[in-house]
């Protein structure tokens, strides 16, 4: 059910936002917006099929502790 709502909202946003960007030939914004929308759609599909999405907290914590030399608990 969530996939249908995300796709419908996405189609509305494409009509409202992406079509004018394409007409203005603002390609940088067009591709960034398209990439973000594709990621959101992918996350919605994965969430709808109960596929666990990894949490980036541990990875970020390891990077920060490596850079600043702080041990995490």
C-alpha atoms as a PDB file:
ATOM      1  CA  UNK A   1       0.000   0.000   0.000  1.00  0.00           C
ATOM      2  CA  UNK A   2       2.836   2.359   0.808  1.00  0.00           C
ATOM      3  CA  UNK A   3       4.362   1.795  -2.635  1.00  0.00           C
ATOM      4  CA  UNK A   4       1.190   2.994  -4.320  1.00  0.00           C
ATOM      5  CA  UNK A   5       1.051   6.157  -2.234  1.00  0.00           C
ATOM      6  CA  UNK A   6       4.745   6.918  -2.803  1.00  0.00           C
ATOM      7  CA  UNK A   7       4.361   6.408  -6.558  1.00  0.00           C
ATOM      8  CA  UNK A   8       1.255   8.619  -6.729  1.00  0.00           C
ATOM      9  CA  UNK A   9       2.908  11.372  -4.711  1.00  0.00           C
ATOM     10  CA  UNK A  10       6.031  10.925  -6.831  1.00  0.00           C
ATOM     11  CA  UNK A  11       4.088  11.299 -10.069  1.00  0.00           C
ATOM     12  CA  UNK A  12       2.560  14.498  -8.745  1.00  0.00           C
ATOM     13  CA  UNK A  13       5.995  15.822  -7.773  1.00  0.00           C
ATOM     14  CA  UNK A  14       7.409  14.855 -11.156  1.00  0.00           C
ATOM     15  CA  UNK A  15       4.675  16.817 -12.907  1.00  0.00           C
ATOM     16  CA  UNK A  16       5.050  19.815 -10.630  1.00  0.00           C
ATOM     17  CA  UNK A  17       8.838  19.916 -10.214  1.00  0.00           C
ATOM     18  CA  UNK A  18      10.709  17.854 -12.787  1.00  0.00           C
ATOM     19  CA  UNK A  19       8.868  18.872 -15.942  1.00  0.00           C
ATOM     20  CA  UNK A  20       9.623  22.603 -15.436  1.00  0.00           C
ATOM     21  CA  UNK A  21      13.263  21.760 -14.636  1.00  0.00           C
ATOM     22  CA  UNK A  22      13.497  19.809 -17.875  1.00  0.00           C
ATOM     23  CA  UNK A  23      11.926  22.664 -19.856  1.00  0.00           C
ATOM     24  CA  UNK A  24      14.386  25.156 -18.322  1.00  0.00           C
ATOM     25  CA  UNK A  25      17.214  22.710 -19.057  1.00  0.00           C
ATOM     26  CA  UNK A  26      18.424  22.881 -15.469  1.00  0.00           C
ATOM     27  CA  UNK A  27      20.049  19.464 -15.728  1.00  0.00           C
ATOM     28  CA  UNK A  28      22.064  19.557 -12.522  1.00  0.00           C
ATOM     29  CA  UNK A  29      18.994  20.103 -10.354  1.00  0.00           C
ATOM     30  CA  UNK A  30      16.998  17.669 -12.478  1.00  0.00           C
ATOM     31  CA  UNK A  31      19.447  14.809 -11.920  1.00  0.00           C
ATOM     32  CA  UNK A  32      19.938  15.517  -8.206  1.00  0.00           C
ATOM     33  CA  UNK A  33      16.167  15.603  -7.690  1.00  0.00           C
ATOM     34  CA  UNK A  34      15.743  12.411  -9.738  1.00  0.00           C
ATOM     35  CA  UNK A  35      18.440  10.623  -7.733  1.00  0.00           C
ATOM     36  CA  UNK A  36      16.866  11.610  -4.407  1.00  0.00           C
ATOM     37  CA  UNK A  37      13.452  10.509  -5.617  1.00  0.00           C
ATOM     38  CA  UNK A  38      14.853   7.149  -6.781  1.00  0.00           C
ATOM     39  CA  UNK A  39      16.444   6.563  -3.362  1.00  0.00           C
ATOM     40  CA  UNK A  40      13.167   7.405  -1.606  1.00  0.00           C
ATOM     41  CA  UNK A  41      11.257   5.056  -3.898  1.00  0.00           C
ATOM     42  CA  UNK A  42      13.786   2.270  -3.280  1.00  0.00           C
ATOM     43  CA  UNK A  43      13.545   2.724   0.497  1.00  0.00           C
ATOM     44  CA  UNK A  44       9.747   2.663   0.309  1.00  0.00           C
ATOM     45  CA  UNK A  45       9.766  -0.587  -1.682  1.00  0.00           C
ATOM     46  CA  UNK A  46      12.258  -2.214   0.691  1.00  0.00           C
ATOM     47  CA  UNK A  47      10.251  -1.089   3.696  1.00  0.00           C
ATOM     48  CA  UNK A  48       6.996  -2.342   2.198  1.00  0.00           C
ATOM     49  CA  UNK A  49       8.465  -5.807   1.639  1.00  0.00           C
ATOM     50  CA  UNK A  50       9.798  -5.868   5.248  1.00  0.00           C
ATOM     51  CA  UNK A  51      13.425  -5.919   4.149  1.00  0.00           C
ATOM     52  CA  UNK A  52      15.603  -4.574   6.934  1.00  0.00           C
ATOM     53  CA  UNK A  53      17.417  -1.396   5.957  1.00  0.00           C
ATOM     54  CA  UNK A  54      20.837  -1.126   7.626  1.00  0.00           C
ATOM     55  CA  UNK A  55      21.292   1.639  10.151  1.00  0.00           C
ATOM     56  CA  UNK A  56      24.310   3.849   9.320  1.00  0.00           C
ATOM     57  CA  UNK A  57      24.893   4.812  12.967  1.00  0.00           C
ATOM     58  CA  UNK A  58      27.568   2.197  13.745  1.00  0.00           C
ATOM     59  CA  UNK A  59      29.499   2.966  10.561  1.00  0.00           C
ATOM     60  CA  UNK A  60      29.387   6.717  11.263  1.00  0.00           C
ATOM     61  CA  UNK A  61      30.421   6.106  14.875  1.00  0.00           C
ATOM     62  CA  UNK A  62      33.472   4.109  13.736  1.00  0.00           C
ATOM     63  CA  UNK A  63      34.532   6.843  11.307  1.00  0.00           C
ATOM     64  CA  UNK A  64      34.183   9.603  13.899  1.00  0.00           C
ATOM     65  CA  UNK A  65      36.040   7.606  16.555  1.00  0.00           C
ATOM     66  CA  UNK A  66      38.830   6.876  14.048  1.00  0.00           C
ATOM     67  CA  UNK A  67      39.186  10.525  13.021  1.00  0.00           C
ATOM     68  CA  UNK A  68      39.025  12.026  16.512  1.00  0.00           C
ATOM     69  CA  UNK A  69      40.593   9.122  18.410  1.00  0.00           C
ATOM     70  CA  UNK A  70      37.611   8.749  20.738  1.00  0.00           C
ATOM     71  CA  UNK A  71      36.639   5.269  21.862  1.00  0.00           C
ATOM     72  CA  UNK A  72      32.954   4.428  21.658  1.00  0.00           C
ATOM     73  CA  UNK A  73      31.169   2.473  24.358  1.00  0.00           C
END
